[in-house]
N, C-alpha and C. Protein backbone atom coordinates (compact mmCIF):
# COMPACT_ATOMS: atom_id res chain seq x y z
N VAL A 1 39.28 72.74 -103.90
CA VAL A 1 40.05 71.52 -103.98
C VAL A 1 39.98 70.79 -102.62
N TRP A 2 40.16 71.52 -101.52
CA TRP A 2 40.11 70.92 -100.19
C TRP A 2 38.76 70.25 -99.96
N ILE A 3 37.70 70.92 -100.38
CA ILE A 3 36.36 70.36 -100.17
C ILE A 3 36.23 69.02 -100.89
N LYS A 4 36.64 68.97 -102.15
CA LYS A 4 36.51 67.71 -102.90
C LYS A 4 37.34 66.60 -102.26
N GLU A 5 38.47 66.95 -101.69
CA GLU A 5 39.33 65.94 -101.08
C GLU A 5 38.83 65.49 -99.71
N ASN A 6 38.03 66.29 -99.03
CA ASN A 6 37.66 66.00 -97.64
C ASN A 6 36.17 65.86 -97.37
N ILE A 7 35.32 66.17 -98.33
CA ILE A 7 33.88 66.21 -98.06
C ILE A 7 33.31 64.84 -97.68
N SER A 8 33.90 63.77 -98.17
CA SER A 8 33.41 62.43 -97.83
C SER A 8 33.45 62.19 -96.32
N ALA A 9 34.45 62.73 -95.65
CA ALA A 9 34.58 62.55 -94.20
C ALA A 9 33.44 63.23 -93.44
N TYR A 10 32.74 64.15 -94.10
CA TYR A 10 31.63 64.87 -93.48
C TYR A 10 30.28 64.40 -94.02
N GLY A 11 30.28 63.31 -94.78
CA GLY A 11 29.04 62.76 -95.31
C GLY A 11 28.61 63.35 -96.64
N GLY A 12 29.47 64.14 -97.26
CA GLY A 12 29.13 64.76 -98.54
C GLY A 12 29.61 63.94 -99.73
N ASP A 13 29.17 64.34 -100.90
CA ASP A 13 29.51 63.68 -102.15
C ASP A 13 30.54 64.53 -102.89
N PRO A 14 31.76 64.05 -103.05
CA PRO A 14 32.79 64.84 -103.72
C PRO A 14 32.50 65.09 -105.20
N ASN A 15 31.53 64.36 -105.74
CA ASN A 15 31.16 64.56 -107.14
C ASN A 15 30.04 65.58 -107.31
N PHE A 16 29.53 66.12 -106.20
CA PHE A 16 28.48 67.14 -106.28
C PHE A 16 28.77 68.23 -105.25
N ILE A 17 29.30 69.32 -105.76
CA ILE A 17 29.62 70.47 -104.91
C ILE A 17 28.77 71.65 -105.38
N ALA A 18 28.04 72.24 -104.45
CA ALA A 18 27.26 73.44 -104.72
C ALA A 18 27.84 74.56 -103.86
N VAL A 19 27.83 75.77 -104.40
CA VAL A 19 28.39 76.92 -103.70
C VAL A 19 27.33 78.00 -103.60
N THR A 20 27.24 78.62 -102.41
CA THR A 20 26.33 79.74 -102.23
C THR A 20 27.02 80.80 -101.39
N GLY A 21 26.47 81.98 -101.41
CA GLY A 21 26.98 83.07 -100.59
C GLY A 21 26.14 84.30 -100.83
N GLY A 22 26.23 85.23 -99.89
CA GLY A 22 25.49 86.48 -100.01
C GLY A 22 26.43 87.67 -100.12
N SER A 23 26.03 88.65 -100.92
CA SER A 23 26.76 89.89 -101.12
C SER A 23 28.13 89.58 -101.74
N ALA A 24 29.23 89.93 -101.05
CA ALA A 24 30.56 89.62 -101.59
C ALA A 24 30.74 88.11 -101.72
N GLY A 25 30.14 87.34 -100.79
CA GLY A 25 30.19 85.88 -100.90
C GLY A 25 29.43 85.37 -102.11
N GLY A 26 28.35 86.06 -102.47
CA GLY A 26 27.62 85.72 -103.68
C GLY A 26 28.43 86.00 -104.93
N HIS A 27 29.17 87.10 -104.90
CA HIS A 27 30.08 87.45 -106.01
C HIS A 27 31.12 86.34 -106.17
N LEU A 28 31.73 85.93 -105.05
CA LEU A 28 32.75 84.88 -105.11
C LEU A 28 32.14 83.54 -105.52
N CYS A 29 30.94 83.26 -105.06
CA CYS A 29 30.23 82.04 -105.43
C CYS A 29 30.04 82.00 -106.95
N ALA A 30 29.57 83.10 -107.52
CA ALA A 30 29.36 83.16 -108.97
C ALA A 30 30.67 82.98 -109.71
N LEU A 31 31.73 83.65 -109.25
CA LEU A 31 33.02 83.48 -109.92
C LEU A 31 33.55 82.06 -109.79
N ALA A 32 33.35 81.44 -108.63
CA ALA A 32 33.82 80.06 -108.44
C ALA A 32 33.19 79.14 -109.47
N GLY A 33 31.91 79.33 -109.72
CA GLY A 33 31.23 78.48 -110.70
C GLY A 33 31.57 78.82 -112.13
N LEU A 34 31.71 80.11 -112.42
CA LEU A 34 31.89 80.53 -113.80
C LEU A 34 33.33 80.55 -114.28
N THR A 35 34.28 80.37 -113.36
CA THR A 35 35.70 80.32 -113.76
C THR A 35 36.33 78.97 -113.43
N ALA A 36 35.54 78.00 -113.07
CA ALA A 36 36.07 76.69 -112.68
C ALA A 36 36.93 76.09 -113.79
N ASN A 37 38.04 75.51 -113.37
CA ASN A 37 38.97 74.81 -114.25
C ASN A 37 39.63 75.69 -115.31
N LEU A 38 39.57 77.00 -115.15
CA LEU A 38 40.28 77.90 -116.06
C LEU A 38 41.64 78.21 -115.45
N PRO A 39 42.72 77.74 -116.07
CA PRO A 39 44.06 77.87 -115.48
C PRO A 39 44.43 79.29 -115.07
N GLU A 40 43.99 80.29 -115.83
CA GLU A 40 44.36 81.67 -115.49
C GLU A 40 43.74 82.14 -114.17
N PHE A 41 42.74 81.42 -113.70
CA PHE A 41 42.11 81.75 -112.41
C PHE A 41 42.56 80.81 -111.30
N GLN A 42 43.54 79.94 -111.60
CA GLN A 42 44.00 78.95 -110.63
C GLN A 42 45.52 78.94 -110.55
N PRO A 43 46.14 80.10 -110.33
CA PRO A 43 47.61 80.10 -110.29
C PRO A 43 48.13 79.24 -109.14
N GLY A 44 49.02 78.33 -109.50
CA GLY A 44 49.59 77.42 -108.50
C GLY A 44 48.86 76.10 -108.38
N PHE A 45 47.65 76.03 -108.91
CA PHE A 45 46.91 74.77 -108.90
C PHE A 45 46.11 74.63 -110.20
N GLU A 46 46.79 74.96 -111.30
CA GLU A 46 46.15 74.97 -112.63
C GLU A 46 45.50 73.66 -113.03
N SER A 47 46.07 72.54 -112.62
CA SER A 47 45.54 71.25 -113.05
C SER A 47 44.49 70.68 -112.09
N SER A 48 44.18 71.38 -111.01
CA SER A 48 43.19 70.89 -110.04
C SER A 48 41.78 71.04 -110.59
N ASP A 49 40.94 70.09 -110.26
CA ASP A 49 39.53 70.14 -110.67
C ASP A 49 38.77 71.05 -109.70
N THR A 50 38.33 72.19 -110.19
CA THR A 50 37.59 73.15 -109.36
C THR A 50 36.14 73.28 -109.80
N GLU A 51 35.69 72.34 -110.62
CA GLU A 51 34.30 72.40 -111.10
C GLU A 51 33.32 72.21 -109.95
N VAL A 52 32.25 73.01 -109.98
CA VAL A 52 31.14 72.83 -109.05
C VAL A 52 29.90 72.50 -109.88
N GLN A 53 28.89 71.94 -109.23
CA GLN A 53 27.73 71.47 -109.95
C GLN A 53 26.53 72.41 -109.85
N ALA A 54 26.58 73.42 -109.00
CA ALA A 54 25.50 74.39 -108.89
C ALA A 54 25.99 75.58 -108.09
N ILE A 55 25.43 76.76 -108.40
CA ILE A 55 25.74 77.95 -107.60
C ILE A 55 24.44 78.69 -107.26
N ILE A 56 24.44 79.30 -106.09
CA ILE A 56 23.29 80.08 -105.63
C ILE A 56 23.80 81.42 -105.08
N PRO A 57 24.05 82.40 -105.95
CA PRO A 57 24.46 83.71 -105.46
C PRO A 57 23.23 84.49 -104.94
N VAL A 58 23.39 85.10 -103.76
CA VAL A 58 22.30 85.84 -103.12
C VAL A 58 22.74 87.29 -102.97
N TYR A 59 21.92 88.21 -103.44
CA TYR A 59 22.19 89.66 -103.47
C TYR A 59 23.67 89.95 -103.72
N ALA A 60 24.17 89.36 -104.80
CA ALA A 60 25.60 89.46 -105.15
C ALA A 60 25.88 90.67 -106.02
N VAL A 61 27.16 91.03 -106.05
CA VAL A 61 27.67 92.03 -106.99
C VAL A 61 28.08 91.25 -108.24
N TYR A 62 27.49 91.60 -109.37
CA TYR A 62 27.79 90.89 -110.61
C TYR A 62 28.64 91.70 -111.58
N ASP A 63 28.69 93.00 -111.37
CA ASP A 63 29.40 93.87 -112.31
C ASP A 63 30.24 94.88 -111.55
N LEU A 64 31.54 94.62 -111.47
CA LEU A 64 32.44 95.56 -110.81
C LEU A 64 32.74 96.77 -111.68
N THR A 65 32.50 96.66 -112.99
CA THR A 65 32.86 97.73 -113.93
C THR A 65 31.88 98.88 -113.94
N ASN A 66 30.69 98.68 -113.42
CA ASN A 66 29.65 99.71 -113.39
C ASN A 66 29.20 100.11 -114.80
N HIS A 67 29.16 99.16 -115.71
CA HIS A 67 28.75 99.50 -117.07
C HIS A 67 27.29 99.95 -117.15
N GLN A 68 26.50 99.62 -116.13
CA GLN A 68 25.11 100.07 -116.11
C GLN A 68 24.94 101.43 -115.43
N ARG A 69 26.03 101.98 -114.97
CA ARG A 69 26.04 103.30 -114.32
C ARG A 69 25.13 103.34 -113.09
N ASP A 70 25.28 102.33 -112.25
CA ASP A 70 24.41 102.26 -111.07
C ASP A 70 25.16 102.32 -109.76
N GLY A 71 26.46 102.57 -109.80
CA GLY A 71 27.17 102.54 -108.53
C GLY A 71 28.56 103.15 -108.57
N LEU A 72 28.67 104.44 -108.84
CA LEU A 72 29.98 105.08 -108.85
C LEU A 72 30.64 105.00 -107.48
N LEU A 73 29.84 105.04 -106.42
CA LEU A 73 30.40 104.90 -105.08
C LEU A 73 31.00 103.52 -104.88
N MET A 74 30.37 102.51 -105.47
CA MET A 74 30.89 101.14 -105.38
C MET A 74 32.26 101.07 -106.04
N ARG A 75 32.44 101.70 -107.20
CA ARG A 75 33.74 101.64 -107.88
C ARG A 75 34.82 102.28 -107.01
N SER A 76 34.51 103.40 -106.42
CA SER A 76 35.48 104.07 -105.55
C SER A 76 35.89 103.16 -104.39
N PHE A 77 34.91 102.51 -103.78
CA PHE A 77 35.19 101.58 -102.69
C PHE A 77 36.06 100.42 -103.17
N LEU A 78 35.71 99.85 -104.33
CA LEU A 78 36.45 98.71 -104.86
C LEU A 78 37.89 99.08 -105.19
N GLU A 79 38.09 100.27 -105.78
CA GLU A 79 39.44 100.70 -106.11
C GLU A 79 40.28 100.88 -104.85
N LYS A 80 39.67 101.36 -103.81
CA LYS A 80 40.40 101.65 -102.57
C LYS A 80 40.65 100.40 -101.72
N HIS A 81 39.68 99.46 -101.68
CA HIS A 81 39.75 98.38 -100.71
C HIS A 81 39.78 96.96 -101.28
N VAL A 82 39.43 96.78 -102.54
CA VAL A 82 39.26 95.41 -103.04
C VAL A 82 40.20 95.09 -104.21
N MET A 83 40.12 95.87 -105.25
CA MET A 83 40.91 95.59 -106.45
C MET A 83 42.33 96.12 -106.27
N SER A 84 43.27 95.49 -106.93
CA SER A 84 44.66 95.93 -106.82
C SER A 84 45.03 96.94 -107.90
N THR A 85 44.06 97.28 -108.75
CA THR A 85 44.30 98.26 -109.83
C THR A 85 43.14 99.23 -109.90
N LEU A 86 43.39 100.35 -110.56
CA LEU A 86 42.31 101.29 -110.85
C LEU A 86 41.56 100.80 -112.08
N PHE A 87 40.25 101.02 -112.11
CA PHE A 87 39.46 100.60 -113.26
C PHE A 87 39.99 101.22 -114.55
N SER A 88 40.34 102.49 -114.50
CA SER A 88 40.82 103.19 -115.70
C SER A 88 42.10 102.59 -116.25
N GLU A 89 42.85 101.87 -115.41
CA GLU A 89 44.12 101.29 -115.84
C GLU A 89 44.02 99.80 -116.17
N ASP A 90 42.91 99.16 -115.82
CA ASP A 90 42.80 97.70 -115.99
C ASP A 90 41.35 97.26 -116.20
N GLN A 91 40.71 97.78 -117.22
CA GLN A 91 39.31 97.44 -117.46
C GLN A 91 39.13 95.93 -117.66
N LEU A 92 40.04 95.29 -118.38
CA LEU A 92 39.92 93.85 -118.62
C LEU A 92 40.00 93.06 -117.31
N GLY A 93 40.89 93.45 -116.43
CA GLY A 93 40.99 92.78 -115.13
C GLY A 93 39.70 92.91 -114.33
N TRP A 94 39.09 94.08 -114.38
CA TRP A 94 37.82 94.30 -113.68
C TRP A 94 36.70 93.48 -114.31
N GLU A 95 36.70 93.38 -115.64
CA GLU A 95 35.70 92.55 -116.31
C GLU A 95 35.90 91.08 -115.93
N ASN A 96 37.14 90.62 -115.87
CA ASN A 96 37.41 89.24 -115.50
C ASN A 96 36.95 88.94 -114.08
N ALA A 97 36.93 89.94 -113.22
CA ALA A 97 36.48 89.77 -111.84
C ALA A 97 34.98 89.98 -111.68
N SER A 98 34.29 90.21 -112.79
CA SER A 98 32.85 90.47 -112.78
C SER A 98 32.10 89.29 -113.38
N PRO A 99 31.28 88.60 -112.59
CA PRO A 99 30.52 87.47 -113.12
C PRO A 99 29.70 87.81 -114.36
N LEU A 100 29.25 89.04 -114.47
CA LEU A 100 28.43 89.46 -115.61
C LEU A 100 29.14 89.22 -116.95
N PHE A 101 30.46 89.27 -116.95
CA PHE A 101 31.23 89.09 -118.18
C PHE A 101 31.72 87.65 -118.35
N ARG A 102 31.23 86.70 -117.55
CA ARG A 102 31.69 85.32 -117.59
C ARG A 102 30.51 84.36 -117.78
N THR A 103 29.48 84.78 -118.50
CA THR A 103 28.23 84.03 -118.57
C THR A 103 28.16 83.03 -119.72
N PHE A 104 29.28 82.70 -120.35
CA PHE A 104 29.23 81.72 -121.43
C PHE A 104 28.83 80.36 -120.88
N ASP A 105 28.38 79.49 -121.75
CA ASP A 105 27.78 78.21 -121.33
C ASP A 105 28.80 77.30 -120.66
N ARG A 106 28.51 76.95 -119.44
CA ARG A 106 29.32 75.99 -118.69
C ARG A 106 28.45 74.82 -118.24
N GLY A 107 27.17 74.81 -118.63
CA GLY A 107 26.27 73.74 -118.22
C GLY A 107 26.03 73.74 -116.72
N LEU A 108 26.11 74.91 -116.11
CA LEU A 108 26.05 75.05 -114.67
C LEU A 108 24.68 75.57 -114.22
N PRO A 109 23.94 74.80 -113.42
CA PRO A 109 22.68 75.31 -112.88
C PRO A 109 22.95 76.48 -111.91
N VAL A 110 22.14 77.53 -112.05
CA VAL A 110 22.32 78.74 -111.25
C VAL A 110 20.95 79.18 -110.72
N PHE A 111 20.91 79.55 -109.45
CA PHE A 111 19.71 80.10 -108.82
C PHE A 111 20.11 81.44 -108.20
N VAL A 112 19.70 82.52 -108.84
CA VAL A 112 20.01 83.88 -108.39
C VAL A 112 18.85 84.39 -107.54
N ILE A 113 19.19 84.94 -106.37
CA ILE A 113 18.18 85.49 -105.46
C ILE A 113 18.57 86.92 -105.12
N HIS A 114 17.62 87.84 -105.29
CA HIS A 114 17.92 89.27 -105.07
C HIS A 114 16.64 89.99 -104.66
N GLY A 115 16.77 90.95 -103.78
CA GLY A 115 15.63 91.76 -103.37
C GLY A 115 15.43 92.94 -104.29
N ASP A 116 14.18 93.29 -104.55
CA ASP A 116 13.92 94.41 -105.46
C ASP A 116 14.13 95.78 -104.81
N LYS A 117 14.38 95.82 -103.50
CA LYS A 117 14.63 97.08 -102.81
C LYS A 117 16.07 97.17 -102.30
N ASP A 118 16.97 96.37 -102.85
CA ASP A 118 18.36 96.36 -102.42
C ASP A 118 19.00 97.72 -102.72
N CYS A 119 19.46 98.39 -101.67
CA CYS A 119 20.09 99.71 -101.87
C CYS A 119 21.61 99.62 -101.90
N VAL A 120 22.17 98.43 -101.73
CA VAL A 120 23.62 98.25 -101.80
C VAL A 120 24.02 97.78 -103.20
N VAL A 121 23.36 96.75 -103.68
CA VAL A 121 23.60 96.23 -105.03
C VAL A 121 22.29 96.34 -105.79
N PRO A 122 22.19 97.27 -106.73
CA PRO A 122 20.94 97.47 -107.45
C PRO A 122 20.45 96.18 -108.12
N VAL A 123 19.15 95.96 -108.03
CA VAL A 123 18.54 94.75 -108.56
C VAL A 123 18.77 94.61 -110.06
N LYS A 124 18.98 95.71 -110.76
CA LYS A 124 19.19 95.58 -112.21
C LYS A 124 20.48 94.82 -112.53
N GLN A 125 21.44 94.77 -111.59
CA GLN A 125 22.62 93.92 -111.82
C GLN A 125 22.22 92.45 -111.88
N ALA A 126 21.38 92.03 -110.95
CA ALA A 126 20.92 90.64 -110.94
C ALA A 126 20.10 90.34 -112.18
N ARG A 127 19.22 91.24 -112.55
CA ARG A 127 18.38 91.03 -113.74
C ARG A 127 19.24 90.86 -114.99
N GLU A 128 20.25 91.71 -115.15
CA GLU A 128 21.12 91.65 -116.32
C GLU A 128 21.95 90.35 -116.30
N PHE A 129 22.45 89.98 -115.14
CA PHE A 129 23.21 88.73 -115.01
C PHE A 129 22.36 87.54 -115.43
N VAL A 130 21.14 87.47 -114.94
CA VAL A 130 20.24 86.36 -115.28
C VAL A 130 19.89 86.39 -116.76
N ARG A 131 19.64 87.57 -117.30
CA ARG A 131 19.33 87.69 -118.74
C ARG A 131 20.48 87.11 -119.57
N LYS A 132 21.71 87.49 -119.23
CA LYS A 132 22.87 86.99 -119.98
C LYS A 132 23.07 85.48 -119.77
N LEU A 133 22.87 85.01 -118.54
CA LEU A 133 23.00 83.56 -118.30
C LEU A 133 22.00 82.79 -119.14
N LYS A 134 20.75 83.24 -119.15
CA LYS A 134 19.71 82.53 -119.92
C LYS A 134 20.00 82.56 -121.41
N LYS A 135 20.58 83.65 -121.88
CA LYS A 135 20.89 83.78 -123.30
C LYS A 135 22.02 82.83 -123.72
N HIS A 136 22.98 82.61 -122.83
CA HIS A 136 24.19 81.88 -123.20
C HIS A 136 24.32 80.50 -122.58
N ASN A 137 23.35 80.04 -121.81
CA ASN A 137 23.50 78.78 -121.09
C ASN A 137 22.40 77.79 -121.42
N ASN A 138 22.78 76.53 -121.31
CA ASN A 138 21.86 75.44 -121.59
C ASN A 138 21.44 74.71 -120.32
N ALA A 139 21.77 75.28 -119.17
CA ALA A 139 21.44 74.66 -117.88
C ALA A 139 20.29 75.43 -117.24
N PRO A 140 19.67 74.86 -116.21
CA PRO A 140 18.60 75.58 -115.52
C PRO A 140 19.13 76.87 -114.87
N ILE A 141 18.48 77.97 -115.19
CA ILE A 141 18.81 79.27 -114.61
C ILE A 141 17.53 79.78 -113.96
N LEU A 142 17.53 79.86 -112.64
CA LEU A 142 16.36 80.34 -111.90
C LEU A 142 16.65 81.71 -111.31
N TYR A 143 15.60 82.51 -111.22
CA TYR A 143 15.74 83.84 -110.64
C TYR A 143 14.57 84.11 -109.72
N ALA A 144 14.88 84.46 -108.48
CA ALA A 144 13.85 84.87 -107.53
C ALA A 144 14.14 86.31 -107.12
N GLU A 145 13.25 87.20 -107.54
CA GLU A 145 13.34 88.60 -107.14
C GLU A 145 12.32 88.81 -106.04
N LEU A 146 12.79 89.09 -104.85
CA LEU A 146 11.93 89.15 -103.68
C LEU A 146 11.38 90.56 -103.47
N PRO A 147 10.05 90.70 -103.57
CA PRO A 147 9.43 92.02 -103.40
C PRO A 147 9.69 92.57 -101.99
N GLY A 148 10.14 93.81 -101.95
CA GLY A 148 10.36 94.49 -100.69
C GLY A 148 11.63 94.10 -99.97
N ALA A 149 12.39 93.17 -100.50
CA ALA A 149 13.59 92.68 -99.80
C ALA A 149 14.77 93.61 -100.02
N GLN A 150 15.46 93.86 -98.95
CA GLN A 150 16.64 94.72 -98.90
C GLN A 150 17.89 93.84 -98.93
N HIS A 151 19.04 94.42 -99.09
CA HIS A 151 20.32 93.72 -99.02
C HIS A 151 20.44 93.09 -97.63
N GLY A 152 20.80 91.83 -97.58
CA GLY A 152 20.94 91.15 -96.30
C GLY A 152 19.61 90.74 -95.70
N PHE A 153 18.59 90.60 -96.53
CA PHE A 153 17.24 90.28 -96.04
C PHE A 153 17.20 89.03 -95.17
N ASP A 154 18.12 88.11 -95.38
CA ASP A 154 18.08 86.82 -94.69
C ASP A 154 18.88 86.79 -93.38
N ILE A 155 19.42 87.92 -92.98
CA ILE A 155 20.20 87.95 -91.74
C ILE A 155 19.32 87.67 -90.53
N PHE A 156 18.12 88.22 -90.55
CA PHE A 156 17.19 88.00 -89.44
C PHE A 156 16.15 86.97 -89.85
N HIS A 157 15.80 86.13 -88.92
CA HIS A 157 14.81 85.11 -89.19
C HIS A 157 13.46 85.74 -89.51
N SER A 158 12.84 85.27 -90.58
CA SER A 158 11.52 85.75 -90.98
C SER A 158 10.90 84.69 -91.88
N ILE A 159 9.64 84.88 -92.20
CA ILE A 159 8.98 83.97 -93.12
C ILE A 159 9.66 84.01 -94.49
N ARG A 160 10.14 85.19 -94.87
CA ARG A 160 10.85 85.33 -96.15
C ARG A 160 12.11 84.46 -96.14
N THR A 161 12.84 84.48 -95.01
CA THR A 161 14.04 83.66 -94.88
C THR A 161 13.70 82.18 -94.98
N GLU A 162 12.61 81.78 -94.33
CA GLU A 162 12.19 80.37 -94.40
C GLU A 162 11.91 79.95 -95.84
N TYR A 163 11.16 80.77 -96.58
CA TYR A 163 10.85 80.44 -97.97
C TYR A 163 12.11 80.44 -98.84
N HIS A 164 13.00 81.37 -98.56
CA HIS A 164 14.27 81.43 -99.28
C HIS A 164 15.05 80.13 -99.08
N LEU A 165 15.16 79.69 -97.83
CA LEU A 165 15.88 78.45 -97.54
C LEU A 165 15.20 77.24 -98.17
N GLU A 166 13.89 77.21 -98.12
CA GLU A 166 13.13 76.11 -98.73
C GLU A 166 13.36 76.06 -100.24
N ALA A 167 13.36 77.22 -100.89
CA ALA A 167 13.58 77.28 -102.34
C ALA A 167 14.99 76.81 -102.70
N VAL A 168 15.97 77.24 -101.92
CA VAL A 168 17.35 76.80 -102.17
C VAL A 168 17.45 75.28 -102.00
N GLY A 169 16.84 74.75 -100.96
CA GLY A 169 16.85 73.30 -100.75
C GLY A 169 16.22 72.54 -101.91
N GLU A 170 15.09 73.02 -102.40
CA GLU A 170 14.42 72.37 -103.53
C GLU A 170 15.29 72.42 -104.78
N PHE A 171 15.91 73.57 -105.03
CA PHE A 171 16.80 73.72 -106.18
C PHE A 171 17.95 72.72 -106.09
N LEU A 172 18.57 72.63 -104.92
CA LEU A 172 19.70 71.71 -104.76
C LEU A 172 19.28 70.25 -104.88
N HIS A 173 18.11 69.90 -104.35
CA HIS A 173 17.60 68.53 -104.52
C HIS A 173 17.41 68.22 -106.00
N HIS A 174 16.84 69.15 -106.74
CA HIS A 174 16.63 68.98 -108.18
C HIS A 174 17.98 68.79 -108.89
N CYS A 175 18.94 69.66 -108.58
CA CYS A 175 20.25 69.57 -109.22
C CYS A 175 20.94 68.25 -108.89
N TYR A 176 20.88 67.85 -107.63
CA TYR A 176 21.54 66.61 -107.22
C TYR A 176 20.89 65.39 -107.87
N TYR A 177 19.58 65.39 -107.95
CA TYR A 177 18.86 64.29 -108.59
C TYR A 177 19.31 64.13 -110.05
N HIS A 178 19.33 65.23 -110.80
CA HIS A 178 19.71 65.16 -112.21
C HIS A 178 21.19 64.85 -112.37
N HIS A 179 22.01 65.37 -111.49
CA HIS A 179 23.43 65.06 -111.52
C HIS A 179 23.65 63.55 -111.29
N SER A 180 22.98 63.00 -110.30
CA SER A 180 23.11 61.57 -109.98
C SER A 180 22.65 60.70 -111.14
N ARG A 181 21.58 61.11 -111.80
CA ARG A 181 21.10 60.33 -112.96
C ARG A 181 22.12 60.36 -114.09
N ARG A 182 22.71 61.52 -114.35
CA ARG A 182 23.74 61.60 -115.40
C ARG A 182 24.95 60.72 -115.05
N GLN A 183 25.34 60.72 -113.76
CA GLN A 183 26.49 59.92 -113.32
C GLN A 183 26.19 58.43 -113.50
N SER A 184 24.98 58.00 -113.18
CA SER A 184 24.64 56.58 -113.29
C SER A 184 24.49 56.12 -114.74
N ASN A 185 24.27 57.05 -115.65
CA ASN A 185 24.15 56.71 -117.07
C ASN A 185 25.49 56.70 -117.81
N LYS A 186 26.55 57.03 -117.11
CA LYS A 186 27.87 57.04 -117.76
C LYS A 186 28.44 55.66 -117.88
């Protein structure tokens, strides 16, 4: 909400907000896009417009429930440090906090980026998230699986980081162009 109210002062367009993040930030980025304008996710500001026009989650956690059986250690960490409930006592709450279970059509362009050697968040989470997005969405869904890339691959400058940034820029230019055309046709 703050961004939409203040972005003009920084040269941005309040009608086009894109969100990105890596790891936990990627998880939050995905949730921000997939739960926008849902009152149950906006306590205290239910009527505020929280819609975003594109999301780019990078090596994100998409499934807190571990339904793919790929991270029992992750669940233990989440129960201890992140979630306010145990999974066994609140499966629905954990599903609601998992982007994997929020992939219904929102018309939201998504560009998922993940390394195939990620040892923190298994790449199969990203693959399953993208599969479900493509199945249930009518917007552009892009997936870049980076060969040999580990979790946090973009922390250090490299040619891979340069290409990653270039791809994100191209995606956002594409999204903004189509968004602007839709706005001008209204």
